[in-house]
Amino acid sequence: MTAIRIRDAATLLGVSDDTIRRWVDQGVLPAGKDSAGRMVIEGSDLAEFARAQADTAPDLLGVGSSARNRFVGLVTRVVSDTVMSQVELQCGPHRVVSLMSTEAVRELGLEPGSVGVAVVKATTVIVETPAGPA
């Protein structure tokens, strides 16, 4: 099993170390000690907790969709030429970048400060892991 240190758990969940410690103290998040005596959380426990805490993105579109990866965010930048545009959204702690036609940007009224939903549907998703000892 993967043991995750408090500092790393906080980074992964986007909260402070103190919040993680408070959840552990309240019994909301189970923790133990590693061989060096540091407080750690089992990766599977942290994953279950994160999944239970995840908010479903509000449905701003009002349409049905088969895509499960929907990120509600704020448009922070639009760079356009005559044909194509790059639109950046800040969706919580995540920056999502989309390339689309400039015509679509105009039709959707995308500009910095507008709200949008980045919908991602892909058959290929690359997952990477940190480099570790061989």
Protein backbone atom coordinates (compact mmCIF):
# COMPACT_ATOMS: atom_id res chain seq x y z
CA MET A 1 0.00 0.00 0.00
CA THR A 2 1.06 3.58 -0.63
CA ALA A 3 1.60 5.67 2.49
CA ILE A 4 1.11 9.40 1.91
CA ARG A 5 2.56 12.01 4.24
CA ILE A 6 0.29 14.71 5.67
CA ARG A 7 1.96 17.46 3.63
CA ASP A 8 1.49 15.52 0.40
CA ALA A 9 -2.12 14.61 1.25
CA ALA A 10 -2.85 18.31 1.79
CA THR A 11 -1.35 19.19 -1.58
CA LEU A 12 -3.33 16.45 -3.33
CA LEU A 13 -6.62 17.60 -1.78
CA GLY A 14 -5.91 21.33 -2.15
CA VAL A 15 -6.14 22.08 1.58
CA SER A 16 -3.69 23.01 4.33
CA ASP A 17 -1.64 20.58 6.44
CA ASP A 18 -3.65 21.78 9.45
CA THR A 19 -6.92 20.81 7.76
CA ILE A 20 -5.63 17.27 7.19
CA ARG A 21 -4.46 17.03 10.81
CA ARG A 22 -7.84 18.33 12.01
CA TRP A 23 -9.66 15.66 9.93
CA VAL A 24 -7.35 13.00 11.38
CA ASP A 25 -7.94 14.29 14.95
CA GLN A 26 -11.71 14.28 14.34
CA GLY A 27 -11.54 10.68 13.09
CA VAL A 28 -12.81 11.70 9.67
CA LEU A 29 -9.62 10.57 7.94
CA PRO A 30 -7.71 7.52 9.25
CA ALA A 31 -3.95 7.84 9.71
CA GLY A 32 -1.08 5.81 11.09
CA LYS A 33 2.69 6.06 11.50
CA ASP A 34 5.38 5.06 9.04
CA SER A 35 8.64 3.33 9.97
CA ALA A 36 10.19 6.71 10.80
CA GLY A 37 7.30 7.62 13.13
CA ARG A 38 5.78 10.21 10.78
CA MET A 39 2.00 10.44 10.44
CA VAL A 40 0.84 8.99 7.12
CA ILE A 41 -2.42 8.14 5.42
CA GLU A 42 -2.90 5.00 3.35
CA GLY A 43 -3.35 5.92 -0.30
CA SER A 44 -6.55 3.88 -0.57
CA ASP A 45 -8.06 5.69 2.46
CA LEU A 46 -7.14 9.08 0.99
CA ALA A 47 -8.60 8.10 -2.39
CA GLU A 48 -11.88 6.99 -0.78
CA PHE A 49 -12.04 10.22 1.25
CA ALA A 50 -11.31 12.38 -1.81
CA ARG A 51 -14.00 10.65 -3.82
CA ALA A 52 -16.55 11.10 -1.02
CA GLN A 53 -15.68 14.80 -0.70
CA ALA A 54 -15.75 15.58 -4.42
CA ASP A 55 -18.46 17.98 -5.47
CA THR A 56 -20.31 17.35 -8.67
CA ALA A 57 -19.86 20.27 -11.03
CA PRO A 58 -23.03 22.30 -11.32
CA ASP A 59 -24.87 21.77 -14.59
CA LEU A 60 -24.59 25.13 -16.30
CA LEU A 61 -25.48 23.74 -19.69
CA GLY A 62 -28.81 22.10 -18.95
CA VAL A 63 -28.16 19.35 -21.49
CA GLY A 64 -27.53 15.64 -21.25
CA SER A 65 -24.00 14.49 -21.94
CA SER A 66 -22.05 11.25 -22.00
CA ALA A 67 -18.90 13.09 -20.93
CA ARG A 68 -18.10 12.62 -17.26
CA ASN A 69 -15.16 15.01 -17.10
CA ARG A 70 -16.75 18.44 -16.74
CA PHE A 71 -14.85 21.35 -15.26
CA VAL A 72 -16.73 24.54 -14.42
CA GLY A 73 -14.43 27.53 -14.56
CA LEU A 74 -13.73 31.14 -15.27
CA VAL A 75 -12.31 32.20 -18.62
CA THR A 76 -9.01 33.91 -17.81
CA ARG A 77 -7.52 34.50 -21.27
CA VAL A 78 -8.52 34.40 -24.93
CA VAL A 79 -5.90 34.67 -27.68
CA SER A 80 -7.40 34.83 -31.18
CA ASP A 81 -6.31 35.22 -34.76
CA THR A 82 -8.64 35.31 -37.75
CA VAL A 83 -9.27 31.55 -37.75
CA MET A 84 -8.33 29.94 -34.41
CA SER A 85 -8.40 30.88 -30.72
CA GLN A 86 -6.82 29.62 -27.52
CA VAL A 87 -9.16 29.85 -24.53
CA GLU A 88 -7.86 29.38 -20.99
CA LEU A 89 -10.15 28.55 -18.07
CA GLN A 90 -9.28 28.37 -14.40
CA CYS A 91 -11.33 25.48 -13.02
CA GLY A 92 -10.59 25.41 -9.31
CA PRO A 93 -6.87 24.74 -9.01
CA HIS A 94 -6.68 23.48 -12.60
CA ARG A 95 -5.86 25.46 -15.75
CA VAL A 96 -7.68 24.05 -18.77
CA VAL A 97 -6.73 25.19 -22.27
CA SER A 98 -8.93 24.72 -25.32
CA LEU A 99 -8.23 25.39 -28.98
CA MET A 100 -11.30 26.28 -31.04
CA SER A 101 -12.35 28.43 -33.95
CA THR A 102 -12.50 32.17 -33.45
CA GLU A 103 -16.04 31.97 -34.81
CA ALA A 104 -16.98 29.67 -31.89
CA VAL A 105 -15.40 32.08 -29.40
CA ARG A 106 -17.54 34.92 -30.79
CA GLU A 107 -20.72 32.80 -30.86
CA LEU A 108 -20.21 31.66 -27.26
CA GLY A 109 -19.26 35.14 -26.06
CA LEU A 110 -16.08 33.86 -24.46
CA GLU A 111 -13.99 36.59 -22.88
CA PRO A 112 -11.98 36.95 -19.68
CA GLY A 113 -14.41 36.90 -16.78
CA SER A 114 -17.08 34.77 -18.44
CA VAL A 115 -18.04 31.39 -16.98
CA GLY A 116 -17.65 28.22 -19.01
CA VAL A 117 -17.69 24.46 -18.66
CA ALA A 118 -14.76 22.52 -20.11
CA VAL A 119 -16.11 19.15 -21.21
CA VAL A 120 -13.49 16.48 -21.86
CA LYS A 121 -14.29 13.19 -23.55
CA ALA A 122 -11.30 11.16 -24.54
CA THR A 123 -10.57 7.54 -25.21
CA THR A 124 -6.92 8.16 -24.40
CA VAL A 125 -5.89 9.55 -21.03
CA ILE A 126 -2.23 9.40 -20.08
CA VAL A 127 -1.51 8.72 -16.40
CA GLU A 128 1.99 9.33 -15.07
CA THR A 129 3.55 8.50 -11.74
CA PRO A 130 6.43 10.16 -9.92
CA ALA A 131 9.86 8.76 -10.67
CA GLY A 132 11.08 6.54 -7.88
CA PRO A 133 13.93 4.19 -7.14
CA ALA A 134 14.22 1.35 -9.63
